[in-house]
PDB file of N, CA and C in Angstrom:
ATOM      1  N   ASP A   1     310.051 296.647 -41.023  1.00  0.00           N
ATOM      2  CA  ASP A   1     310.219 298.538 -41.012  1.00  0.00           C
ATOM      3  C   ASP A   1     310.187 299.014 -39.232  1.00  0.00           C
ATOM      4  N   ARG A   2     310.566 299.568 -39.103  1.00  0.00           N
ATOM      5  CA  ARG A   2     310.794 300.015 -37.668  1.00  0.00           C
ATOM      6  C   ARG A   2     311.160 301.241 -37.219  1.00  0.00           C
ATOM      7  N   ALA A   3     310.537 301.933 -36.252  1.00  0.00           N
ATOM      8  CA  ALA A   3     310.272 303.135 -36.020  1.00  0.00           C
ATOM      9  C   ALA A   3     310.102 303.730 -34.179  1.00  0.00           C
ATOM     10  N   SER A   4     310.759 304.817 -34.034  1.00  0.00           N
ATOM     11  CA  SER A   4     310.747 305.047 -32.585  1.00  0.00           C
ATOM     12  C   SER A   4     310.087 306.500 -32.202  1.00  0.00           C
ATOM     13  N   GLN A   5     309.080 306.584 -31.517  1.00  0.00           N
ATOM     14  CA  GLN A   5     308.361 307.440 -30.851  1.00  0.00           C
ATOM     15  C   GLN A   5     309.177 308.180 -29.597  1.00  0.00           C
ATOM     16  N   GLN A   6     310.351 309.078 -29.469  1.00  0.00           N
ATOM     17  CA  GLN A   6     311.058 309.678 -28.435  1.00  0.00           C
ATOM     18  C   GLN A   6     310.893 310.807 -27.634  1.00  0.00           C
ATOM     19  N   LEU A   7     310.589 310.988 -26.712  1.00  0.00           N
ATOM     20  CA  LEU A   7     310.383 312.484 -26.255  1.00  0.00           C
ATOM     21  C   LEU A   7     311.596 312.448 -25.262  1.00  0.00           C
ATOM     22  N   LEU A   8     312.719 313.734 -25.756  1.00  0.00           N
ATOM     23  CA  LEU A   8     313.911 313.925 -24.838  1.00  0.00           C
ATOM     24  C   LEU A   8     313.852 315.224 -24.301  1.00  0.00           C
ATOM     25  N   ALA A   9     313.981 315.835 -23.116  1.00  0.00           N
ATOM     26  CA  ALA A   9     313.604 317.188 -22.658  1.00  0.00           C
ATOM     27  C   ALA A   9     315.407 317.176 -21.878  1.00  0.00           C
ATOM     28  N   GLY A  10     315.536 318.565 -21.485  1.00  0.00           N
ATOM     29  CA  GLY A  10     316.811 318.364 -20.325  1.00  0.00           C
ATOM     30  C   GLY A  10     316.772 320.434 -20.221  1.00  0.00           C
ATOM     31  N   ALA A  11     317.426 320.139 -18.944  1.00  0.00           N
ATOM     32  CA  ALA A  11     317.662 321.608 -18.407  1.00  0.00           C
ATOM     33  C   ALA A  11     318.893 321.975 -17.786  1.00  0.00           C
ATOM     34  N   ARG A  12     319.628 322.779 -17.905  1.00  0.00           N
ATOM     35  CA  ARG A  12     320.808 323.125 -17.202  1.00  0.00           C
ATOM     36  C   ARG A  12     320.926 325.091 -16.526  1.00  0.00           C
ATOM     37  N   GLN A  13     321.458 324.697 -15.467  1.00  0.00           N
ATOM     38  CA  GLN A  13     321.191 325.983 -14.269  1.00  0.00           C
ATOM     39  C   GLN A  13     322.810 326.272 -14.035  1.00  0.00           C
ATOM     40  N   ARG A  14     323.525 327.383 -14.171  1.00  0.00           N
ATOM     41  CA  ARG A  14     324.810 327.707 -13.540  1.00  0.00           C
ATOM     42  C   ARG A  14     324.280 328.698 -12.495  1.00  0.00           C
ATOM     43  N   LEU A  15     325.090 328.258 -11.795  1.00  0.00           N
ATOM     44  CA  LEU A  15     325.048 329.299 -10.191  1.00  0.00           C
ATOM     45  C   LEU A  15     326.452 329.654  -9.389  1.00  0.00           C
ATOM     46  N   TYR A  16     326.752 330.061  -8.788  1.00  0.00           N
ATOM     47  CA  TYR A  16     327.329 330.913  -7.885  1.00  0.00           C
ATOM     48  C   TYR A  16     329.020 331.059  -9.048  1.00  0.00           C
ATOM     49  N   GLY A  17     328.656 332.329  -9.746  1.00  0.00           N
ATOM     50  CA  GLY A  17     329.107 332.954 -11.071  1.00  0.00           C
ATOM     51  C   GLY A  17     330.070 331.637 -11.793  1.00  0.00           C
ATOM     52  N   ASP A  18     329.180 330.835 -12.088  1.00  0.00           N
ATOM     53  CA  ASP A  18     329.623 329.608 -13.347  1.00  0.00           C
ATOM     54  C   ASP A  18     330.256 328.688 -12.546  1.00  0.00           C
ATOM     55  N   ARG A  19     330.487 328.656 -11.499  1.00  0.00           N
ATOM     56  CA  ARG A  19     331.424 327.359 -10.485  1.00  0.00           C
ATOM     57  C   ARG A  19     330.270 326.260 -10.555  1.00  0.00           C
ATOM     58  N   LEU A  20     329.642 326.232 -10.373  1.00  0.00           N
ATOM     59  CA  LEU A  20     328.686 324.924  -9.820  1.00  0.00           C
ATOM     60  C   LEU A  20     327.475 325.006 -11.342  1.00  0.00           C
ATOM     61  N   GLU A  21     326.882 323.821 -11.769  1.00  0.00           N
ATOM     62  CA  GLU A  21     326.448 323.663 -12.571  1.00  0.00           C
ATOM     63  C   GLU A  21     325.230 322.303 -12.733  1.00  0.00           C
ATOM     64  N   LEU A  22     324.561 322.746 -12.388  1.00  0.00           N
ATOM     65  CA  LEU A  22     323.283 321.765 -11.865  1.00  0.00           C
ATOM     66  C   LEU A  22     322.609 321.204 -13.754  1.00  0.00           C
ATOM     67  N   HIS A  23     322.362 319.555 -13.935  1.00  0.00           N
ATOM     68  CA  HIS A  23     321.597 319.849 -14.910  1.00  0.00           C
ATOM     69  C   HIS A  23     320.982 318.390 -15.111  1.00  0.00           C
ATOM     70  N   ALA A  24     319.900 318.442 -16.132  1.00  0.00           N
ATOM     71  CA  ALA A  24     319.119 317.128 -15.481  1.00  0.00           C
ATOM     72  C   ALA A  24     318.391 317.319 -16.917  1.00  0.00           C
ATOM     73  N   GLN A  25     318.519 315.826 -17.521  1.00  0.00           N
ATOM     74  CA  GLN A  25     317.975 315.236 -19.050  1.00  0.00           C
ATOM     75  C   GLN A  25     316.950 313.890 -18.507  1.00  0.00           C
ATOM     76  N   GLY A  26     315.469 314.056 -19.558  1.00  0.00           N
ATOM     77  CA  GLY A  26     314.969 312.790 -19.200  1.00  0.00           C
ATOM     78  C   GLY A  26     314.589 312.211 -20.404  1.00  0.00           C
ATOM     79  N   GLU A  27     314.020 311.420 -20.894  1.00  0.00           N
ATOM     80  CA  GLU A  27     313.721 310.202 -21.920  1.00  0.00           C
ATOM     81  C   GLU A  27     312.630 309.615 -22.031  1.00  0.00           C
ATOM     82  N   THR A  28     311.563 309.538 -22.210  1.00  0.00           N
ATOM     83  CA  THR A  28     309.896 308.650 -22.593  1.00  0.00           C
ATOM     84  C   THR A  28     310.082 308.799 -24.004  1.00  0.00           C
ATOM     85  N   ASN A  29     309.262 307.102 -23.973  1.00  0.00           N
ATOM     86  CA  ASN A  29     309.049 306.761 -24.970  1.00  0.00           C
ATOM     87  C   ASN A  29     307.264 307.716 -24.926  1.00  0.00           C
ATOM     88  N   VAL A  30     306.545 307.704 -26.690  1.00  0.00           N
ATOM     89  CA  VAL A  30     305.909 308.199 -26.810  1.00  0.00           C
ATOM     90  C   VAL A  30     304.870 307.244 -27.476  1.00  0.00           C
ATOM     91  N   SER A  31     305.070 306.120 -27.974  1.00  0.00           N
ATOM     92  CA  SER A  31     304.435 305.364 -28.689  1.00  0.00           C
ATOM     93  C   SER A  31     304.172 304.049 -27.902  1.00  0.00           C
ATOM     94  N   ASP A  32     303.249 303.125 -28.418  1.00  0.00           N
ATOM     95  CA  ASP A  32     302.745 301.921 -27.544  1.00  0.00           C
ATOM     96  C   ASP A  32     303.606 300.767 -28.094  1.00  0.00           C
ATOM     97  N   SER A  33     304.411 300.895 -28.870  1.00  0.00           N
ATOM     98  CA  SER A  33     305.451 299.889 -29.509  1.00  0.00           C
ATOM     99  C   SER A  33     306.149 299.294 -27.820  1.00  0.00           C
ATOM    100  N   GLU A  34     305.946 297.541 -27.884  1.00  0.00           N
ATOM    101  CA  GLU A  34     306.974 297.063 -26.883  1.00  0.00           C
ATOM    102  C   GLU A  34     308.050 297.202 -27.267  1.00  0.00           C
ATOM    103  N   ALA A  35     308.382 297.057 -28.290  1.00  0.00           N
ATOM    104  CA  ALA A  35     310.055 296.671 -28.616  1.00  0.00           C
ATOM    105  C   ALA A  35     310.622 298.016 -28.791  1.00  0.00           C
ATOM    106  N   ASN A  36     310.014 299.341 -28.235  1.00  0.00           N
ATOM    107  CA  ASN A  36     310.645 300.419 -27.652  1.00  0.00           C
ATOM    108  C   ASN A  36     310.980 300.682 -26.647  1.00  0.00           C
ATOM    109  N   ALA A  37     309.608 300.635 -25.728  1.00  0.00           N
ATOM    110  CA  ALA A  37     310.129 300.076 -24.511  1.00  0.00           C
ATOM    111  C   ALA A  37     311.194 299.616 -23.890  1.00  0.00           C
ATOM    112  N   THR A  38     311.463 298.037 -24.674  1.00  0.00           N
ATOM    113  CA  THR A  38     312.757 297.785 -24.360  1.00  0.00           C
ATOM    114  C   THR A  38     314.032 297.834 -24.835  1.00  0.00           C
ATOM    115  N   ASP A  39     314.022 298.357 -26.249  1.00  0.00           N
ATOM    116  CA  ASP A  39     315.075 298.978 -26.836  1.00  0.00           C
ATOM    117  C   ASP A  39     315.312 300.154 -26.249  1.00  0.00           C
ATOM    118  N   TYR A  40     314.615 301.357 -26.013  1.00  0.00           N
ATOM    119  CA  TYR A  40     314.732 302.451 -25.873  1.00  0.00           C
ATOM    120  C   TYR A  40     313.750 302.887 -23.841  1.00  0.00           C
ATOM    121  N   PRO A  41     314.994 302.368 -23.062  1.00  0.00           N
ATOM    122  CA  PRO A  41     313.851 302.346 -21.947  1.00  0.00           C
ATOM    123  C   PRO A  41     313.460 303.624 -21.500  1.00  0.00           C
ATOM    124  N   HIS A  42     312.708 303.894 -20.303  1.00  0.00           N
ATOM    125  CA  HIS A  42     312.680 305.572 -19.999  1.00  0.00           C
ATOM    126  C   HIS A  42     313.811 305.998 -19.040  1.00  0.00           C
ATOM    127  N   ARG A  43     314.371 307.043 -19.013  1.00  0.00           N
ATOM    128  CA  ARG A  43     315.445 307.338 -18.581  1.00  0.00           C
ATOM    129  C   ARG A  43     315.543 308.732 -17.920  1.00  0.00           C
ATOM    130  N   PHE A  44     316.094 308.779 -16.811  1.00  0.00           N
ATOM    131  CA  PHE A  44     316.013 310.219 -16.218  1.00  0.00           C
ATOM    132  C   PHE A  44     317.307 310.237 -15.165  1.00  0.00           C
ATOM    133  N   ARG A  45     318.124 311.646 -15.545  1.00  0.00           N
ATOM    134  CA  ARG A  45     319.371 311.396 -15.199  1.00  0.00           C
ATOM    135  C   ARG A  45     319.622 313.343 -14.715  1.00  0.00           C
ATOM    136  N   VAL A  46     320.295 313.275 -13.424  1.00  0.00           N
ATOM    137  CA  VAL A  46     321.135 314.367 -12.454  1.00  0.00           C
ATOM    138  C   VAL A  46     322.175 314.410 -12.376  1.00  0.00           C
ATOM    139  N   GLY A  47     323.036 315.827 -12.632  1.00  0.00           N
ATOM    140  CA  GLY A  47     324.259 315.741 -12.289  1.00  0.00           C
ATOM    141  C   GLY A  47     324.231 317.167 -12.172  1.00  0.00           C
ATOM    142  N   ALA A  48     325.598 317.256 -11.385  1.00  0.00           N
ATOM    143  CA  ALA A  48     326.423 318.661 -10.954  1.00  0.00           C
ATOM    144  C   ALA A  48     327.508 318.528 -11.003  1.00  0.00           C
ATOM    145  N   ASP A  49     328.070 319.704 -11.644  1.00  0.00           N
ATOM    146  CA  ASP A  49     329.550 319.935 -12.173  1.00  0.00           C
ATOM    147  C   ASP A  49     330.027 321.258 -11.164  1.00  0.00           C
ATOM    148  N   TYR A  50     331.017 321.192 -10.542  1.00  0.00           N
ATOM    149  CA  TYR A  50     331.517 322.320  -9.969  1.00  0.00           C
ATOM    150  C   TYR A  50     333.309 322.109 -10.286  1.00  0.00           C
ATOM    151  N   ARG A  51     333.465 323.540 -10.504  1.00  0.00           N
ATOM    152  CA  ARG A  51     334.626 324.031 -11.153  1.00  0.00           C
ATOM    153  C   ARG A  51     336.003 324.674  -9.760  1.00  0.00           C
ATOM    154  N   LEU A  52     336.564 323.778  -9.731  1.00  0.00           N
ATOM    155  CA  LEU A  52     337.818 324.062  -8.435  1.00  0.00           C
ATOM    156  C   LEU A  52     338.618 324.852  -8.697  1.00  0.00           C
ATOM    157  N   THR A  53     339.412 324.521  -9.973  1.00  0.00           N
ATOM    158  CA  THR A  53     339.912 326.257 -10.683  1.00  0.00           C
ATOM    159  C   THR A  53     340.005 325.978 -12.058  1.00  0.00           C
ATOM    160  N   ALA A  54     340.314 326.819 -12.664  1.00  0.00           N
ATOM    161  CA  ALA A  54     339.996 326.794 -14.581  1.00  0.00           C
ATOM    162  C   ALA A  54     340.532 325.612 -15.011  1.00  0.00           C
ATOM    163  N   ARG A  55     341.252 324.748 -14.479  1.00  0.00           N
ATOM    164  CA  ARG A  55     341.533 323.542 -15.481  1.00  0.00           C
ATOM    165  C   ARG A  55     341.278 322.011 -14.766  1.00  0.00           C
ATOM    166  N   THR A  56     340.249 322.199 -13.344  1.00  0.00           N
ATOM    167  CA  THR A  56     339.954 321.064 -12.418  1.00  0.00           C
ATOM    168  C   THR A  56     338.234 321.290 -12.117  1.00  0.00           C
ATOM    169  N   LYS A  57     338.011 320.406 -12.873  1.00  0.00           N
ATOM    170  CA  LYS A  57     336.293 320.533 -12.295  1.00  0.00           C
ATOM    171  C   LYS A  57     336.200 319.031 -12.007  1.00  0.00           C
ATOM    172  N   LEU A  58     334.678 318.823 -10.867  1.00  0.00           N
ATOM    173  CA  LEU A  58     334.374 317.963  -9.788  1.00  0.00           C
ATOM    174  C   LEU A  58     333.188 317.883 -10.691  1.00  0.00           C
ATOM    175  N   PHE A  59     332.994 316.554 -10.692  1.00  0.00           N
ATOM    176  CA  PHE A  59     331.271 316.263 -11.128  1.00  0.00           C
ATOM    177  C   PHE A  59     330.383 314.568 -10.659  1.00  0.00           C
ATOM    178  N   GLY A  60     329.536 315.213 -10.569  1.00  0.00           N
ATOM    179  CA  GLY A  60     328.934 313.794 -10.327  1.00  0.00           C
ATOM    180  C   GLY A  60     327.436 313.724 -11.041  1.00  0.00           C
ATOM    181  N   GLU A  61     327.295 312.569 -11.334  1.00  0.00           N
ATOM    182  CA  GLU A  61     325.603 312.219 -12.038  1.00  0.00           C
ATOM    183  C   GLU A  61     325.427 311.010 -11.274  1.00  0.00           C
ATOM    184  N   GLN A  62     324.285 310.988 -11.632  1.00  0.00           N
ATOM    185  CA  GLN A  62     323.308 309.358 -11.256  1.00  0.00           C
ATOM    186  C   GLN A  62     321.951 309.292 -12.092  1.00  0.00           C
ATOM    187  N   GLU A  63     321.709 308.146 -12.959  1.00  0.00           N
ATOM    188  CA  GLU A  63     320.400 308.087 -14.169  1.00  0.00           C
ATOM    189  C   GLU A  63     319.687 306.480 -13.301  1.00  0.00           C
ATOM    190  N   TRP A  64     318.921 307.008 -13.679  1.00  0.00           N
ATOM    191  CA  TRP A  64     317.824 305.953 -13.372  1.00  0.00           C
ATOM    192  C   TRP A  64     317.096 305.750 -14.393  1.00  0.00           C
ATOM    193  N   ALA A  65     316.954 304.052 -15.229  1.00  0.00           N
ATOM    194  CA  ALA A  65     315.799 303.488 -15.960  1.00  0.00           C
ATOM    195  C   ALA A  65     315.008 302.642 -15.990  1.00  0.00           C
ATOM    196  N   TRP A  66     314.170 302.472 -16.364  1.00  0.00           N
ATOM    197  CA  TRP A  66     313.197 301.796 -16.333  1.00  0.00           C
ATOM    198  C   TRP A  66     312.419 301.278 -17.613  1.00  0.00           C
ATOM    199  N   GLY A  67     311.721 300.431 -17.464  1.00  0.00           N
ATOM    200  CA  GLY A  67     311.042 299.641 -18.869  1.00  0.00           C
ATOM    201  C   GLY A  67     310.277 298.641 -18.839  1.00  0.00           C
ATOM    202  N   ASP A  68     310.049 297.493 -19.325  1.00  0.00           N
ATOM    203  CA  ASP A  68     309.079 296.179 -19.451  1.00  0.00           C
ATOM    204  C   ASP A  68     309.974 295.385 -19.249  1.00  0.00           C
ATOM    205  N   ASP A  69     311.616 295.401 -19.619  1.00  0.00           N
ATOM    206  CA  ASP A  69     312.346 293.955 -19.304  1.00  0.00           C
ATOM    207  C   ASP A  69     313.568 294.563 -18.223  1.00  0.00           C
ATOM    208  N   GLN A  70     313.169 296.075 -17.865  1.00  0.00           N
ATOM    209  CA  GLN A  70     314.639 296.154 -16.901  1.00  0.00           C
ATOM    210  C   GLN A  70     313.641 297.188 -15.897  1.00  0.00           C
ATOM    211  N   ASP A  71     314.664 297.091 -14.830  1.00  0.00           N
ATOM    212  CA  ASP A  71     314.539 297.697 -13.755  1.00  0.00           C
ATOM    213  C   ASP A  71     315.654 298.979 -13.507  1.00  0.00           C
TER     214      ASP A  71
END
């Protein structure tokens, strides 16, 4: 029997007439199980999308993850 308990949250904000979109997401374990920390590390991700034209979007994203067996 296996189970995981995680908390996930995210936010998104549009600026400059919806041309720029900023977003952030996070995940963390809320259980004490060591197996969950390995399988589901803590994660945090931020990014931005910028609409150049109606058909072209430029984007970038960065993610950090950490847990018992990884950095």
